[in-house]
Amino acid sequence: MSNLSYSNDYNRLKTMGACWFVSYAYWDHGHKDHTVWENTGTLALRKSYYQHSRECHHEWLEKVLKMSDANLNTNTFGLTAGDIKKMAAELIKIV
């Protein structure tokens, strides 16, 4: 599948999970001790979405920063909305 099909595709982010996306991206960009993203049964699918959507990551990080804390706090990784937004803000500078 061409990476172009992922361009601006917010549904891919929703399917992957915004919290998982930020957590995995944080790990992927050098924070190898951050592994809470591993706590899901759908790793292969999520990793595939992540790998095939790299050109969208900056835009998605911007979207995450605008998400409501209530939505972000529903994650099952034990991360707060503040944690997620802090990671996203750090990542947006390098992605």
C-alpha atoms as a PDB file:
ATOM      1  CA  MET A   1       0.000   0.000   0.000  1.00  0.00           C
ATOM      2  CA  SER A   2       1.330   3.424  -0.882  1.00  0.00           C
ATOM      3  CA  ASN A   3       2.146   5.852   1.889  1.00  0.00           C
ATOM      4  CA  LEU A   4       0.049   8.433   0.027  1.00  0.00           C
ATOM      5  CA  SER A   5      -3.110   6.662   1.172  1.00  0.00           C
ATOM      6  CA  TYR A   6      -2.231   7.577   4.748  1.00  0.00           C
ATOM      7  CA  SER A   7      -1.844  11.292   4.052  1.00  0.00           C
ATOM      8  CA  ASN A   8      -4.059  13.355   6.352  1.00  0.00           C
ATOM      9  CA  ASP A   9      -5.893  10.180   7.348  1.00  0.00           C
ATOM     10  CA  TYR A  10      -7.131  10.926  10.833  1.00  0.00           C
ATOM     11  CA  ASN A  11      -8.953   7.598  10.888  1.00  0.00           C
ATOM     12  CA  ARG A  12      -5.582   5.805  10.947  1.00  0.00           C
ATOM     13  CA  LEU A  13      -4.638   7.741  14.057  1.00  0.00           C
ATOM     14  CA  LYS A  14      -7.951   6.878  15.696  1.00  0.00           C
ATOM     15  CA  THR A  15      -7.542   3.199  14.775  1.00  0.00           C
ATOM     16  CA  MET A  16      -3.980   3.111  16.097  1.00  0.00           C
ATOM     17  CA  GLY A  17      -4.947   5.092  19.167  1.00  0.00           C
ATOM     18  CA  ALA A  18      -3.583   8.553  19.826  1.00  0.00           C
ATOM     19  CA  CYS A  19      -2.119   7.594  23.201  1.00  0.00           C
ATOM     20  CA  TRP A  20      -0.460   4.496  21.787  1.00  0.00           C
ATOM     21  CA  PHE A  21       0.876   6.514  18.842  1.00  0.00           C
ATOM     22  CA  VAL A  22       2.509   9.119  21.074  1.00  0.00           C
ATOM     23  CA  SER A  23       3.868   6.499  23.456  1.00  0.00           C
ATOM     24  CA  TYR A  24       5.371   4.416  20.652  1.00  0.00           C
ATOM     25  CA  ALA A  25       6.766   7.483  18.862  1.00  0.00           C
ATOM     26  CA  TYR A  26       8.379   8.586  22.123  1.00  0.00           C
ATOM     27  CA  TRP A  27      10.049   5.180  22.396  1.00  0.00           C
ATOM     28  CA  ASP A  28      10.930   5.174  18.690  1.00  0.00           C
ATOM     29  CA  HIS A  29      12.679   8.541  18.957  1.00  0.00           C
ATOM     30  CA  GLY A  30      15.154   7.546  21.624  1.00  0.00           C
ATOM     31  CA  HIS A  31      13.373   6.970  24.912  1.00  0.00           C
ATOM     32  CA  LYS A  32      13.950   3.209  24.934  1.00  0.00           C
ATOM     33  CA  ASP A  33      13.062   2.902  28.625  1.00  0.00           C
ATOM     34  CA  HIS A  34       9.498   4.057  27.808  1.00  0.00           C
ATOM     35  CA  THR A  35       7.719   0.793  27.001  1.00  0.00           C
ATOM     36  CA  VAL A  36       4.117   1.194  28.182  1.00  0.00           C
ATOM     37  CA  TRP A  37       3.030   1.029  24.530  1.00  0.00           C
ATOM     38  CA  GLU A  38       3.813  -2.706  24.612  1.00  0.00           C
ATOM     39  CA  ASN A  39       0.750  -3.343  26.793  1.00  0.00           C
ATOM     40  CA  THR A  40      -1.680  -4.089  23.991  1.00  0.00           C
ATOM     41  CA  GLY A  41      -2.742  -7.175  22.116  1.00  0.00           C
ATOM     42  CA  THR A  42      -2.720  -5.488  18.721  1.00  0.00           C
ATOM     43  CA  LEU A  43       0.939  -4.531  18.404  1.00  0.00           C
ATOM     44  CA  ALA A  44       1.520  -5.832  14.875  1.00  0.00           C
ATOM     45  CA  LEU A  45      -1.379  -3.865  13.396  1.00  0.00           C
ATOM     46  CA  ARG A  46      -0.529  -0.680  15.281  1.00  0.00           C
ATOM     47  CA  LYS A  47       3.158  -0.895  14.339  1.00  0.00           C
ATOM     48  CA  SER A  48       2.182  -1.355  10.695  1.00  0.00           C
ATOM     49  CA  TYR A  49      -0.013   1.746  10.777  1.00  0.00           C
ATOM     50  CA  TYR A  50       2.797   3.662  12.460  1.00  0.00           C
ATOM     51  CA  GLN A  51       5.441   2.598   9.943  1.00  0.00           C
ATOM     52  CA  HIS A  52       3.254   3.379   6.931  1.00  0.00           C
ATOM     53  CA  SER A  53       2.171   6.796   8.125  1.00  0.00           C
ATOM     54  CA  ARG A  54       5.424   8.564   8.970  1.00  0.00           C
ATOM     55  CA  GLU A  55       4.600  11.551   6.769  1.00  0.00           C
ATOM     56  CA  CYS A  56       1.525  12.195   8.934  1.00  0.00           C
ATOM     57  CA  HIS A  57       3.237  12.028  12.317  1.00  0.00           C
ATOM     58  CA  HIS A  58       3.912  15.742  12.721  1.00  0.00           C
ATOM     59  CA  GLU A  59       0.328  16.611  11.822  1.00  0.00           C
ATOM     60  CA  TRP A  60      -0.983  13.923  14.164  1.00  0.00           C
ATOM     61  CA  LEU A  61       1.139  15.200  17.039  1.00  0.00           C
ATOM     62  CA  GLU A  62      -0.424  18.625  16.499  1.00  0.00           C
ATOM     63  CA  LYS A  63      -3.870  17.012  16.636  1.00  0.00           C
ATOM     64  CA  VAL A  64      -3.006  15.194  19.859  1.00  0.00           C
ATOM     65  CA  LEU A  65      -1.990  18.487  21.478  1.00  0.00           C
ATOM     66  CA  LYS A  66      -5.478  19.818  20.673  1.00  0.00           C
ATOM     67  CA  MET A  67      -7.362  16.750  21.965  1.00  0.00           C
ATOM     68  CA  SER A  68      -9.388  17.006  25.119  1.00  0.00           C
ATOM     69  CA  ASP A  69      -7.780  15.768  28.282  1.00  0.00           C
ATOM     70  CA  ALA A  70     -10.883  13.684  28.963  1.00  0.00           C
ATOM     71  CA  ASN A  71     -10.367  11.703  25.757  1.00  0.00           C
ATOM     72  CA  LEU A  72      -6.663  11.232  26.346  1.00  0.00           C
ATOM     73  CA  ASN A  73      -7.219  10.132  29.931  1.00  0.00           C
ATOM     74  CA  THR A  74      -9.202   7.084  28.723  1.00  0.00           C
ATOM     75  CA  ASN A  75      -6.029   5.239  27.693  1.00  0.00           C
ATOM     76  CA  THR A  76      -5.159   1.924  29.305  1.00  0.00           C
ATOM     77  CA  PHE A  77      -1.418   2.578  29.538  1.00  0.00           C
ATOM     78  CA  GLY A  78      -1.511   4.511  32.805  1.00  0.00           C
ATOM     79  CA  LEU A  79      -0.556   7.782  31.130  1.00  0.00           C
ATOM     80  CA  THR A  80      -2.271  11.041  31.976  1.00  0.00           C
ATOM     81  CA  ALA A  81      -3.317  13.555  29.354  1.00  0.00           C
ATOM     82  CA  GLY A  82      -0.516  15.749  30.690  1.00  0.00           C
ATOM     83  CA  ASP A  83       2.029  12.964  30.128  1.00  0.00           C
ATOM     84  CA  ILE A  84       0.813  12.406  26.577  1.00  0.00           C
ATOM     85  CA  LYS A  85       0.784  16.080  25.676  1.00  0.00           C
ATOM     86  CA  LYS A  86       4.245  16.584  27.169  1.00  0.00           C
ATOM     87  CA  MET A  87       5.636  13.740  25.053  1.00  0.00           C
ATOM     88  CA  ALA A  88       3.798  15.034  21.964  1.00  0.00           C
ATOM     89  CA  ALA A  89       5.180  18.551  22.486  1.00  0.00           C
ATOM     90  CA  GLU A  90       8.709  17.160  22.764  1.00  0.00           C
ATOM     91  CA  LEU A  91       8.262  14.975  19.691  1.00  0.00           C
ATOM     92  CA  ILE A  92       6.796  17.720  17.536  1.00  0.00           C
ATOM     93  CA  LYS A  93      10.166  19.472  17.662  1.00  0.00           C
ATOM     94  CA  ILE A  94      11.969  16.505  16.086  1.00  0.00           C
ATOM     95  CA  VAL A  95       9.391  14.824  13.846  1.00  0.00           C
END
